[in-house]
């Protein structure tokens, strides 16, 4: 999905409604900004409580070095 936004004279951007709805963003929510070279990413800050169970079903069978438990 690619949306085009415009940077305002006050250096503000509006997140398109479709993106806000898909990511369940709400007014006042904190976003972490991460830069990679010439790219910007906004990452929603989530509470630890909301993260509970997000890794359920992940395989824990990974090869390990013999000196590791």
N, C-alpha and C. Protein backbone atom coordinates (compact mmCIF):
# COMPACT_ATOMS: atom_id res chain seq x y z
N UNK A 1 0.85 -1.18 0.00
CA UNK A 1 0.00 0.00 0.00
C UNK A 1 0.90 1.24 0.00
N UNK A 2 0.66 2.15 -0.91
CA UNK A 2 1.44 3.36 -0.99
C UNK A 2 0.51 4.56 -1.03
N UNK A 3 0.65 5.43 -0.06
CA UNK A 3 -0.11 6.67 -0.02
C UNK A 3 0.88 7.82 -0.12
N UNK A 4 0.44 8.89 -0.73
CA UNK A 4 1.27 10.07 -0.86
C UNK A 4 0.75 11.12 0.12
N UNK A 5 1.63 11.67 0.94
CA UNK A 5 1.25 12.72 1.88
C UNK A 5 2.10 13.94 1.61
N UNK A 6 1.67 15.08 2.14
CA UNK A 6 2.40 16.33 1.94
C UNK A 6 2.87 16.87 3.28
N UNK A 7 4.10 17.30 3.32
CA UNK A 7 4.67 17.92 4.52
C UNK A 7 4.20 19.37 4.56
N UNK A 8 3.56 19.76 5.67
CA UNK A 8 3.02 21.12 5.79
C UNK A 8 4.16 22.12 6.05
N UNK A 9 3.87 23.41 5.91
CA UNK A 9 4.88 24.42 6.22
C UNK A 9 5.40 24.34 7.67
N UNK A 10 4.60 23.73 8.56
CA UNK A 10 5.02 23.54 9.95
C UNK A 10 5.65 22.17 10.17
N UNK A 11 6.01 21.50 9.07
CA UNK A 11 6.64 20.17 9.10
C UNK A 11 5.75 19.12 9.74
N UNK A 12 4.45 19.19 9.50
CA UNK A 12 3.49 18.21 10.01
C UNK A 12 2.99 17.35 8.86
N UNK A 13 2.58 16.13 9.19
CA UNK A 13 1.98 15.24 8.20
C UNK A 13 0.69 14.68 8.78
N UNK A 14 -0.24 14.32 7.91
CA UNK A 14 -1.47 13.67 8.33
C UNK A 14 -1.40 12.21 7.87
N UNK A 15 -1.66 11.30 8.79
CA UNK A 15 -1.66 9.87 8.45
C UNK A 15 -3.01 9.55 7.81
N UNK A 16 -3.01 8.99 6.59
CA UNK A 16 -4.27 8.70 5.91
C UNK A 16 -5.20 7.81 6.73
N UNK A 17 -6.49 8.03 6.59
CA UNK A 17 -7.50 7.32 7.36
C UNK A 17 -7.38 5.81 7.22
N UNK A 18 -7.14 5.32 6.01
CA UNK A 18 -7.02 3.87 5.79
C UNK A 18 -5.87 3.29 6.62
N UNK A 19 -4.78 4.01 6.72
CA UNK A 19 -3.62 3.55 7.50
C UNK A 19 -3.96 3.58 8.99
N UNK A 20 -4.58 4.67 9.44
CA UNK A 20 -4.97 4.78 10.86
C UNK A 20 -5.89 3.64 11.26
N UNK A 21 -6.84 3.33 10.40
CA UNK A 21 -7.79 2.26 10.71
C UNK A 21 -7.12 0.89 10.70
N UNK A 22 -6.27 0.64 9.72
CA UNK A 22 -5.61 -0.66 9.62
C UNK A 22 -4.69 -0.91 10.81
N UNK A 23 -4.02 0.14 11.31
CA UNK A 23 -3.10 -0.01 12.43
C UNK A 23 -3.73 0.31 13.78
N UNK A 24 -5.02 0.63 13.77
CA UNK A 24 -5.77 0.94 14.99
C UNK A 24 -5.11 2.08 15.77
N UNK A 25 -4.74 3.14 15.05
CA UNK A 25 -4.13 4.31 15.68
C UNK A 25 -5.23 5.23 16.19
N UNK A 26 -4.93 5.97 17.25
CA UNK A 26 -5.90 6.91 17.78
C UNK A 26 -5.20 8.23 18.13
N UNK A 27 -5.99 9.29 18.22
CA UNK A 27 -5.44 10.61 18.51
C UNK A 27 -4.71 10.60 19.85
N UNK A 28 -3.55 11.21 19.89
CA UNK A 28 -2.76 11.29 21.11
C UNK A 28 -1.82 10.11 21.32
N UNK A 29 -1.93 9.09 20.47
CA UNK A 29 -1.04 7.93 20.61
C UNK A 29 0.38 8.32 20.26
N UNK A 30 1.34 7.75 20.97
CA UNK A 30 2.76 8.03 20.73
C UNK A 30 3.28 7.14 19.60
N UNK A 31 4.11 7.74 18.74
CA UNK A 31 4.76 7.02 17.65
C UNK A 31 6.26 7.24 17.78
N UNK A 32 7.01 6.18 17.63
CA UNK A 32 8.46 6.29 17.64
C UNK A 32 8.91 6.54 16.21
N UNK A 33 9.82 7.48 16.01
CA UNK A 33 10.32 7.76 14.66
C UNK A 33 11.70 7.14 14.51
N UNK A 34 11.88 6.40 13.42
CA UNK A 34 13.13 5.71 13.15
C UNK A 34 13.58 6.12 11.75
N UNK A 35 14.86 6.49 11.61
CA UNK A 35 15.38 6.86 10.30
C UNK A 35 16.40 5.83 9.84
N UNK A 36 16.32 5.50 8.58
CA UNK A 36 17.26 4.59 7.91
C UNK A 36 17.71 5.29 6.64
N UNK A 37 18.90 5.87 6.67
CA UNK A 37 19.37 6.58 5.48
C UNK A 37 18.43 7.72 5.15
N UNK A 38 17.78 7.65 3.98
CA UNK A 38 16.86 8.71 3.57
C UNK A 38 15.40 8.30 3.77
N UNK A 39 15.15 7.32 4.64
CA UNK A 39 13.80 6.80 4.87
C UNK A 39 13.39 7.08 6.32
N UNK A 40 12.09 7.35 6.52
CA UNK A 40 11.52 7.58 7.85
C UNK A 40 10.46 6.52 8.11
N UNK A 41 10.49 5.93 9.30
CA UNK A 41 9.44 4.99 9.71
C UNK A 41 8.83 5.47 11.01
N UNK A 42 7.51 5.38 11.10
CA UNK A 42 6.78 5.69 12.32
C UNK A 42 6.29 4.38 12.90
N UNK A 43 6.68 4.10 14.15
CA UNK A 43 6.33 2.83 14.78
C UNK A 43 5.43 3.13 15.98
N UNK A 44 4.18 2.63 15.97
CA UNK A 44 3.30 2.88 17.10
C UNK A 44 3.88 2.31 18.39
N UNK A 45 3.85 3.11 19.44
CA UNK A 45 4.31 2.64 20.75
C UNK A 45 3.15 1.87 21.38
N UNK A 46 3.41 0.64 21.76
CA UNK A 46 2.39 -0.22 22.35
C UNK A 46 2.75 -0.52 23.80
N UNK A 47 1.73 -0.72 24.62
CA UNK A 47 1.98 -1.07 26.01
C UNK A 47 2.40 -2.53 26.08
N UNK A 48 3.13 -2.87 27.14
CA UNK A 48 3.54 -4.26 27.34
C UNK A 48 2.31 -5.15 27.44
N UNK A 49 1.27 -4.67 28.10
CA UNK A 49 0.04 -5.45 28.26
C UNK A 49 -0.57 -5.83 26.90
N UNK A 50 -0.54 -4.90 25.95
CA UNK A 50 -1.13 -5.19 24.63
C UNK A 50 -0.27 -6.15 23.82
N UNK A 51 0.99 -6.33 24.21
CA UNK A 51 1.88 -7.23 23.48
C UNK A 51 1.73 -8.69 23.93
N UNK A 52 1.02 -8.92 25.03
CA UNK A 52 0.87 -10.27 25.56
C UNK A 52 0.32 -11.22 24.50
N UNK A 53 1.03 -12.32 24.28
CA UNK A 53 0.57 -13.35 23.37
C UNK A 53 0.90 -13.12 21.90
N UNK A 54 1.59 -12.04 21.56
CA UNK A 54 1.82 -11.78 20.14
C UNK A 54 2.79 -12.78 19.51
N UNK A 55 3.53 -13.54 20.32
CA UNK A 55 4.44 -14.55 19.79
C UNK A 55 3.90 -15.97 19.98
N UNK A 56 2.63 -16.09 20.33
CA UNK A 56 2.09 -17.43 20.53
C UNK A 56 2.17 -18.21 19.23
N UNK A 57 2.57 -19.47 19.35
CA UNK A 57 2.70 -20.32 18.18
C UNK A 57 4.06 -20.28 17.52
N UNK A 58 4.97 -19.44 18.01
CA UNK A 58 6.30 -19.36 17.42
C UNK A 58 7.09 -20.62 17.78
N UNK A 59 7.84 -21.11 16.85
CA UNK A 59 8.65 -22.31 17.08
C UNK A 59 9.86 -21.95 17.93
N UNK A 60 10.07 -22.75 18.97
CA UNK A 60 11.24 -22.55 19.83
C UNK A 60 12.32 -23.58 19.54
N UNK A 61 12.13 -24.37 18.50
CA UNK A 61 13.11 -25.37 18.09
C UNK A 61 14.11 -24.74 17.15
N UNK A 62 15.13 -24.13 17.73
CA UNK A 62 16.17 -23.49 16.93
C UNK A 62 17.51 -24.15 17.27
N UNK A 63 18.39 -24.29 16.29
CA UNK A 63 19.72 -24.86 16.60
C UNK A 63 20.47 -23.96 17.57
N UNK A 64 21.10 -24.57 18.57
CA UNK A 64 21.86 -23.81 19.55
C UNK A 64 23.27 -24.37 19.65
N UNK A 65 24.20 -23.51 20.00
CA UNK A 65 25.56 -23.96 20.24
C UNK A 65 25.57 -24.89 21.45
N UNK A 66 26.48 -25.86 21.47
CA UNK A 66 26.53 -26.83 22.54
C UNK A 66 26.82 -26.20 23.90
N UNK A 67 27.51 -25.07 23.92
CA UNK A 67 27.83 -24.43 25.21
C UNK A 67 26.70 -23.54 25.71
N UNK A 68 25.58 -23.51 25.02
CA UNK A 68 24.42 -22.70 25.42
C UNK A 68 23.30 -23.61 25.93
N UNK A 69 22.53 -23.13 26.86
CA UNK A 69 21.40 -23.91 27.37
C UNK A 69 20.20 -23.73 26.51
